[in-house]
Amino acid sequence: MTAPTTILSAVQQAALIRKLTALADDEIILAQRGGEWTGHAPILEEDIALANIAQDELGHAGMYLELRRALDGSDADALAFTRSADEFSSSRFVELPKGDWAFTMLRQYLYDAYEALWLDAARKSTYEPLAEVANKAFREERFHLQHTALWVERLALGTPESMKRTQDALNALWPYVGQLWQPVEGEAGLIEAGLLPDLNAVRTRWEGLIVPHLRVQCGLILPPGGAEQPGRDTHTEYLVPLLDEMQRVYRAHPDTPYW
C-alpha cells in the first residue's frame, strides 16, 4: 500500500478514522449476513457465489481497517472481533436479518450499487492510500453489482410469488437505505479537501442507476420515502446477537489471524 503523501490535520485524521471505521463496519456486518446463506442458498452455484461476495466484502473491510491502522496503530482483528454493539458504526440497513432470498439479493444489489459508485469516485481521492484501495476494491465490486442486478431482475420477472417477495423486500428495505448516505462527523471537510467523494453526487448517480433498473427493467414499485433514520450510533436489536455469533471464535482464540 502506497505511503501517504497528503499531510492530514488532526481534525482530518480523526474524521477519516471515523469514515474508514463506518465503511468497514458496514462491510463486516453485510459479509456476516451473506455468510449465513452458506449451505442454504437455493442452488449450489449461488451458494459459492454469495460466499465469495461475502469474502470480498470482508476483504474490503480489512483494507479499510488497515488504512485506519496506518493512522492510529489500531488492530484490525481487535476492531472487528472485540468491540461491543454500541462501539460499532454500522448502518441499520446491513444489520437487518437476512430474510428470504429476494430480501438478501435486493439488499446486496442496493448496497453493491452504492459501494461501486462510491469506490469509483474514491479512486480520485487526494489521499493516495485510499485511492489505491478504492481502485482495487472497485474491480471486485463491479462484478458483485452485475451479479446481484441480474438476480433482482430474475426474481422480479420470474413467478408471481418471486415478484411478490421482491416487492415485499423493496418495501421493507427502502426506509433504511437512506442511512448509507449519512455522513460521519467531519466528513464535509474531507469532501471539501478532495479526500473523500461527494456523497450527494454519488447518491445522484446511484439513483440514476437503480431507479430505472427497479422500475423499468424489473417492474417494481418504489415505495414512498420512509422517516429519517437515526445516526449510526443507533442500532437495531439484531446487531447484538449477530456480533455474539460472529465474535465467538475470535474471543475464544484471540491469537488466530483472520485477515
Protein backbone atom coordinates (compact mmCIF):
# COMPACT_ATOMS: atom_id res chain seq x y z
CA MET A 1 0.00 0.00 0.00
CA THR A 2 1.39 3.38 -1.03
CA ALA A 3 2.71 5.58 1.77
CA PRO A 4 0.59 8.73 2.09
CA THR A 5 1.98 11.98 0.74
CA THR A 6 -1.03 14.05 1.79
CA ILE A 7 -0.49 15.56 5.22
CA LEU A 8 -3.63 15.39 7.31
CA SER A 9 -4.53 17.78 10.08
CA ALA A 10 -5.57 16.31 13.42
CA VAL A 11 -9.21 17.13 12.63
CA GLN A 12 -9.00 15.49 9.21
CA GLN A 13 -7.31 12.42 10.63
CA ALA A 14 -10.00 11.95 13.29
CA ALA A 15 -12.77 12.34 10.69
CA LEU A 16 -11.07 9.94 8.27
CA ILE A 17 -10.75 7.33 11.02
CA ARG A 18 -14.49 7.64 11.69
CA LYS A 19 -15.28 7.24 7.99
CA LEU A 20 -12.97 4.27 7.47
CA THR A 21 -14.48 2.56 10.51
CA ALA A 22 -18.03 3.15 9.29
CA LEU A 23 -17.16 1.78 5.86
CA ALA A 24 -15.51 -1.28 7.39
CA ASP A 25 -18.36 -1.92 9.82
CA ASP A 26 -20.95 -2.00 7.03
CA GLU A 27 -18.80 -4.46 5.10
CA ILE A 28 -18.24 -6.69 8.13
CA ILE A 29 -21.91 -6.92 9.06
CA LEU A 30 -23.12 -7.41 5.48
CA ALA A 31 -20.49 -10.11 4.97
CA GLN A 32 -21.80 -11.88 8.06
CA ARG A 33 -25.35 -11.73 6.70
CA GLY A 34 -24.20 -13.12 3.37
CA GLY A 35 -22.25 -15.85 5.10
CA GLU A 36 -25.42 -17.02 6.82
CA TRP A 37 -26.52 -18.44 3.46
CA THR A 38 -23.56 -20.81 3.20
CA GLY A 39 -25.04 -24.26 2.72
CA HIS A 40 -28.56 -22.83 2.40
CA ALA A 41 -28.66 -20.96 -0.93
CA PRO A 42 -31.26 -22.12 -3.49
CA ILE A 43 -28.65 -23.58 -5.86
CA LEU A 44 -25.12 -24.83 -5.32
CA GLU A 45 -23.50 -22.33 -7.70
CA GLU A 46 -25.12 -19.46 -5.83
CA ASP A 47 -24.02 -20.89 -2.51
CA ILE A 48 -20.45 -20.50 -3.77
CA ALA A 49 -21.05 -17.12 -5.43
CA LEU A 50 -22.58 -15.46 -2.37
CA ALA A 51 -19.87 -16.89 -0.12
CA ASN A 52 -17.28 -15.34 -2.45
CA ILE A 53 -19.08 -11.99 -2.38
CA ALA A 54 -19.15 -12.10 1.42
CA GLN A 55 -15.45 -12.92 1.45
CA ASP A 56 -14.73 -9.96 -0.83
CA GLU A 57 -16.73 -7.63 1.42
CA LEU A 58 -14.77 -8.84 4.42
CA GLY A 59 -11.59 -8.23 2.45
CA HIS A 60 -12.70 -4.66 1.76
CA ALA A 61 -13.31 -4.20 5.48
CA GLY A 62 -9.79 -5.44 6.14
CA MET A 63 -8.38 -2.87 3.70
CA TYR A 64 -10.28 -0.02 5.34
CA LEU A 65 -9.10 -1.10 8.77
CA GLU A 66 -5.53 -1.33 7.54
CA LEU A 67 -5.84 2.27 6.38
CA ARG A 68 -7.05 3.12 9.86
CA ARG A 69 -4.14 1.20 11.41
CA ALA A 70 -1.73 3.40 9.44
CA LEU A 71 -3.35 6.43 11.05
CA ASP A 72 -3.75 5.35 14.67
CA GLY A 73 -1.99 1.99 15.08
CA SER A 74 -5.23 0.11 15.81
CA ASP A 75 -5.51 -3.63 15.23
CA ALA A 76 -7.99 -4.80 12.58
CA ASP A 77 -8.80 -8.08 14.29
CA ALA A 78 -9.47 -6.41 17.62
CA LEU A 79 -11.68 -3.78 16.00
CA ALA A 80 -13.76 -6.39 14.19
CA PHE A 81 -14.00 -9.03 16.87
CA THR A 82 -13.81 -7.39 20.28
CA ARG A 83 -15.94 -4.24 20.04
CA SER A 84 -19.44 -4.31 21.50
CA ALA A 85 -22.53 -3.32 19.55
CA ASP A 86 -22.55 0.23 20.88
CA GLU A 87 -18.99 0.68 19.58
CA PHE A 88 -19.93 -0.30 16.02
CA SER A 89 -20.91 2.31 13.44
CA SER A 90 -22.71 0.00 11.01
CA SER A 91 -25.92 1.14 9.35
CA ARG A 92 -29.23 -0.38 10.32
CA PHE A 93 -29.65 -1.30 6.63
CA VAL A 94 -26.99 -4.02 6.84
CA GLU A 95 -27.99 -5.20 10.32
CA LEU A 96 -31.46 -6.41 9.34
CA PRO A 97 -31.83 -10.23 9.31
CA LYS A 98 -31.03 -12.00 6.06
CA GLY A 99 -34.69 -12.69 5.30
CA ASP A 100 -35.54 -14.76 2.23
CA TRP A 101 -33.53 -14.97 -0.98
CA ALA A 102 -35.28 -11.97 -2.55
CA PHE A 103 -34.51 -9.84 0.51
CA THR A 104 -30.85 -10.89 0.51
CA MET A 105 -30.33 -10.29 -3.21
CA LEU A 106 -32.14 -6.94 -3.22
CA ARG A 107 -30.22 -5.65 -0.20
CA GLN A 108 -26.95 -6.81 -1.71
CA TYR A 109 -27.84 -5.13 -5.01
CA LEU A 110 -28.72 -1.80 -3.40
CA TYR A 111 -25.53 -1.93 -1.35
CA ASP A 112 -23.35 -3.05 -4.26
CA ALA A 113 -24.59 -0.13 -6.38
CA TYR A 114 -23.80 2.28 -3.55
CA GLU A 115 -20.39 0.77 -2.89
CA ALA A 116 -19.36 0.51 -6.55
CA LEU A 117 -20.21 4.14 -7.25
CA TRP A 118 -18.58 5.37 -4.03
CA LEU A 119 -15.42 3.43 -4.80
CA ASP A 120 -15.38 4.69 -8.38
CA ALA A 121 -15.41 8.25 -7.08
CA ALA A 122 -12.92 7.46 -4.29
CA ARG A 123 -10.34 6.40 -6.89
CA LYS A 124 -9.80 10.14 -7.40
CA SER A 125 -9.11 10.78 -3.70
CA THR A 126 -6.16 13.04 -2.95
CA TYR A 127 -5.29 10.64 -0.11
CA GLU A 128 -3.22 8.15 -2.08
CA PRO A 129 -3.69 5.09 0.16
CA LEU A 130 -7.48 5.42 -0.08
CA ALA A 131 -7.33 5.91 -3.85
CA GLU A 132 -5.24 2.75 -4.13
CA VAL A 133 -7.65 0.69 -2.01
CA ALA A 134 -10.67 2.08 -3.89
CA ASN A 135 -9.16 1.17 -7.23
CA LYS A 136 -8.57 -2.41 -6.12
CA ALA A 137 -11.96 -2.89 -4.46
CA PHE A 138 -13.83 -1.28 -7.37
CA ARG A 139 -12.68 -4.02 -9.73
CA GLU A 140 -14.30 -6.62 -7.48
CA GLU A 141 -17.41 -4.59 -6.74
CA ARG A 142 -18.32 -4.21 -10.41
CA PHE A 143 -18.79 -7.97 -10.63
CA HIS A 144 -20.83 -8.04 -7.43
CA LEU A 145 -23.15 -5.41 -8.88
CA GLN A 146 -23.59 -7.23 -12.19
CA HIS A 147 -24.38 -10.45 -10.36
CA THR A 148 -26.94 -9.06 -7.93
CA ALA A 149 -28.61 -6.83 -10.54
CA LEU A 150 -29.30 -9.90 -12.66
CA TRP A 151 -30.68 -11.77 -9.64
CA VAL A 152 -33.07 -8.94 -8.75
CA GLU A 153 -34.30 -8.84 -12.35
CA ARG A 154 -34.66 -12.64 -12.45
CA LEU A 155 -36.70 -12.66 -9.24
CA ALA A 156 -38.90 -9.70 -10.17
CA LEU A 157 -39.72 -11.11 -13.60
CA GLY A 158 -39.95 -14.74 -12.54
CA THR A 159 -43.16 -16.02 -10.99
CA PRO A 160 -45.95 -14.11 -9.25
CA GLU A 161 -44.56 -15.41 -5.95
CA SER A 162 -41.00 -14.29 -6.65
CA MET A 163 -42.28 -10.88 -7.81
CA LYS A 164 -44.30 -10.51 -4.61
CA ARG A 165 -41.31 -11.43 -2.46
CA THR A 166 -39.07 -8.97 -4.31
CA GLN A 167 -41.60 -6.16 -3.94
CA ASP A 168 -42.04 -7.01 -0.25
CA ALA A 169 -38.27 -6.87 0.17
CA LEU A 170 -38.11 -3.46 -1.50
CA ASN A 171 -40.90 -2.17 0.74
CA ALA A 172 -39.03 -3.38 3.82
CA LEU A 173 -35.58 -2.16 2.80
CA TRP A 174 -36.37 1.21 1.26
CA PRO A 175 -36.95 3.09 4.56
CA TYR A 176 -33.44 2.09 5.70
CA VAL A 177 -31.39 2.73 2.58
CA GLY A 178 -31.01 6.45 3.23
CA GLN A 179 -28.74 5.74 6.18
CA LEU A 180 -25.99 4.73 3.75
CA TRP A 181 -25.77 8.40 2.80
CA GLN A 182 -25.43 9.79 6.29
CA PRO A 183 -22.03 11.48 6.67
CA VAL A 184 -19.84 10.93 9.67
CA GLU A 185 -18.79 13.85 11.81
CA GLY A 186 -16.28 15.95 9.91
CA GLU A 187 -16.93 14.30 6.54
CA ALA A 188 -17.85 17.57 4.84
CA GLY A 189 -14.35 18.87 5.46
CA LEU A 190 -12.81 15.74 3.95
CA ILE A 191 -15.01 16.10 0.87
CA GLU A 192 -14.04 19.75 0.50
CA ALA A 193 -10.35 18.78 0.67
CA GLY A 194 -10.80 16.13 -2.01
CA LEU A 195 -10.04 13.29 0.38
CA LEU A 196 -13.49 11.69 0.09
CA PRO A 197 -16.16 11.61 -2.65
CA ASP A 198 -19.11 13.98 -2.52
CA LEU A 199 -21.90 11.86 -1.02
CA ASN A 200 -24.63 13.87 -2.74
CA ALA A 201 -23.01 13.39 -6.15
CA VAL A 202 -22.64 9.66 -5.54
CA ARG A 203 -26.25 9.40 -4.41
CA THR A 204 -27.42 11.14 -7.58
CA ARG A 205 -25.52 8.58 -9.67
CA TRP A 206 -26.91 5.76 -7.51
CA GLU A 207 -30.49 6.88 -8.01
CA GLY A 208 -29.87 7.25 -11.74
CA LEU A 209 -28.68 3.65 -11.82
CA ILE A 210 -31.02 1.76 -9.53
CA VAL A 211 -34.34 3.58 -10.04
CA PRO A 212 -34.67 2.75 -13.78
CA HIS A 213 -33.49 -0.79 -13.12
CA LEU A 214 -36.07 -1.39 -10.42
CA ARG A 215 -38.95 0.42 -12.08
CA VAL A 216 -38.45 -0.21 -15.79
CA GLN A 217 -36.43 -3.40 -16.09
CA CYS A 218 -37.88 -5.16 -13.05
CA GLY A 219 -41.40 -3.70 -12.92
CA LEU A 220 -41.17 -2.91 -9.21
CA ILE A 221 -42.91 -0.03 -7.45
CA LEU A 222 -40.70 2.25 -5.37
CA PRO A 223 -42.34 2.87 -2.00
CA PRO A 224 -42.54 6.42 -0.64
CA GLY A 225 -39.52 7.61 1.30
CA GLY A 226 -39.51 6.49 4.90
CA ALA A 227 -38.96 8.53 8.00
CA GLU A 228 -35.46 9.87 8.52
CA GLN A 229 -33.23 7.21 10.00
CA PRO A 230 -31.27 7.76 13.22
CA GLY A 231 -27.50 8.08 13.12
CA ARG A 232 -25.03 5.22 13.04
CA ASP A 233 -24.81 5.22 16.82
CA THR A 234 -28.35 3.79 17.00
CA HIS A 235 -28.60 0.12 16.11
CA THR A 236 -31.26 -2.50 15.57
CA GLU A 237 -31.92 -5.22 18.10
CA TYR A 238 -30.36 -7.65 15.63
CA LEU A 239 -26.78 -6.42 15.99
CA VAL A 240 -26.04 -7.86 19.44
CA PRO A 241 -26.87 -11.50 18.58
CA LEU A 242 -25.10 -11.16 15.23
CA LEU A 243 -21.90 -9.97 16.93
CA ASP A 244 -22.19 -12.66 19.57
CA GLU A 245 -22.13 -15.31 16.87
CA MET A 246 -19.53 -13.58 14.71
CA GLN A 247 -17.06 -12.86 17.50
CA ARG A 248 -17.37 -16.11 19.44
CA VAL A 249 -14.44 -17.93 17.81
CA TYR A 250 -12.10 -14.95 17.99
CA ARG A 251 -12.87 -14.30 21.62
CA ALA A 252 -12.11 -17.95 22.38
CA HIS A 253 -8.92 -17.95 20.25
CA PRO A 254 -7.69 -14.34 20.03
CA ASP A 255 -4.22 -15.25 18.70
CA THR A 256 -5.52 -16.71 15.42
CA PRO A 257 -5.05 -14.40 12.35
CA TYR A 258 -8.31 -13.80 10.46
CA TRP A 259 -7.46 -11.37 7.64
